[in-house]
Amino acid sequence: MTKKTYQFTVTFKEENGVIIATAPSLSGCVSFGHTLKEAEKNIREAIECHVESMLEDGD
């Protein structure tokens, strides 16, 4: 099976001392981190889980 590559826009904003990362095109796909690097790592993992779940559901 060939692995597909997807690209998603991610937005970051600082709020109450944490960085919130959101993938707007994936409803409810939000993560956070105490640094930008941590927030980026966490949102990548969240996106991966979100997309895997969508594919399993046939979306």
Protein backbone atom coordinates (compact mmCIF):
# COMPACT_ATOMS: atom_id res chain seq x y z
CA MET A 1 0.00 0.00 0.00
CA THR A 2 1.32 3.43 -0.94
CA LYS A 3 1.49 5.97 1.87
CA LYS A 4 -0.26 9.23 0.98
CA THR A 5 0.92 12.66 2.00
CA TYR A 6 -1.55 15.30 3.11
CA GLN A 7 -1.02 18.99 3.81
CA PHE A 8 -3.06 20.99 6.29
CA THR A 9 -2.90 24.61 7.34
CA VAL A 10 -2.22 25.02 11.05
CA THR A 11 -2.77 28.16 13.08
CA PHE A 12 -1.00 28.98 16.34
CA LYS A 13 -1.99 31.46 19.02
CA GLU A 14 -0.72 32.13 22.50
CA GLU A 15 -3.28 32.13 25.26
CA ASN A 16 -2.72 32.02 29.03
CA GLY A 17 0.92 31.00 28.69
CA VAL A 18 0.39 28.11 26.26
CA ILE A 19 0.47 27.90 22.47
CA ILE A 20 -2.75 26.56 20.98
CA ALA A 21 -2.46 24.86 17.60
CA THR A 22 -5.50 24.29 15.39
CA ALA A 23 -6.01 22.57 12.04
CA PRO A 24 -9.08 24.54 10.83
CA SER A 25 -10.00 22.14 8.01
CA LEU A 26 -10.19 19.21 10.46
CA SER A 27 -13.13 19.91 12.73
CA GLY A 28 -12.10 19.67 16.38
CA CYS A 29 -8.42 19.01 15.68
CA VAL A 30 -6.74 21.13 18.34
CA SER A 31 -3.64 20.67 20.47
CA PHE A 32 -1.29 22.80 22.55
CA GLY A 33 2.21 23.08 23.94
CA HIS A 34 4.26 25.25 26.25
CA THR A 35 6.62 26.11 23.38
CA LEU A 36 6.04 26.52 19.65
CA LYS A 37 8.13 23.40 18.99
CA GLU A 38 6.06 21.35 21.43
CA ALA A 39 2.78 22.69 20.01
CA GLU A 40 3.91 21.83 16.47
CA LYS A 41 4.88 18.28 17.50
CA ASN A 42 1.57 17.80 19.29
CA ILE A 43 -0.60 19.10 16.43
CA ARG A 44 1.23 16.85 13.95
CA GLU A 45 0.34 13.86 16.14
CA ALA A 46 -3.26 15.08 16.51
CA ILE A 47 -3.60 15.51 12.73
CA GLU A 48 -2.19 12.03 12.12
CA CYS A 49 -4.69 10.46 14.54
CA HIS A 50 -7.55 12.53 13.14
CA VAL A 51 -6.82 11.55 9.52
CA GLU A 52 -6.33 7.88 10.43
CA SER A 53 -9.71 7.90 12.17
CA MET A 54 -11.36 9.55 9.17
CA LEU A 55 -9.87 6.98 6.78
CA GLU A 56 -11.01 4.11 9.00
CA ASP A 57 -14.53 5.59 8.97
CA GLY A 58 -14.44 5.89 5.18
CA ASP A 59 -14.41 9.71 5.16
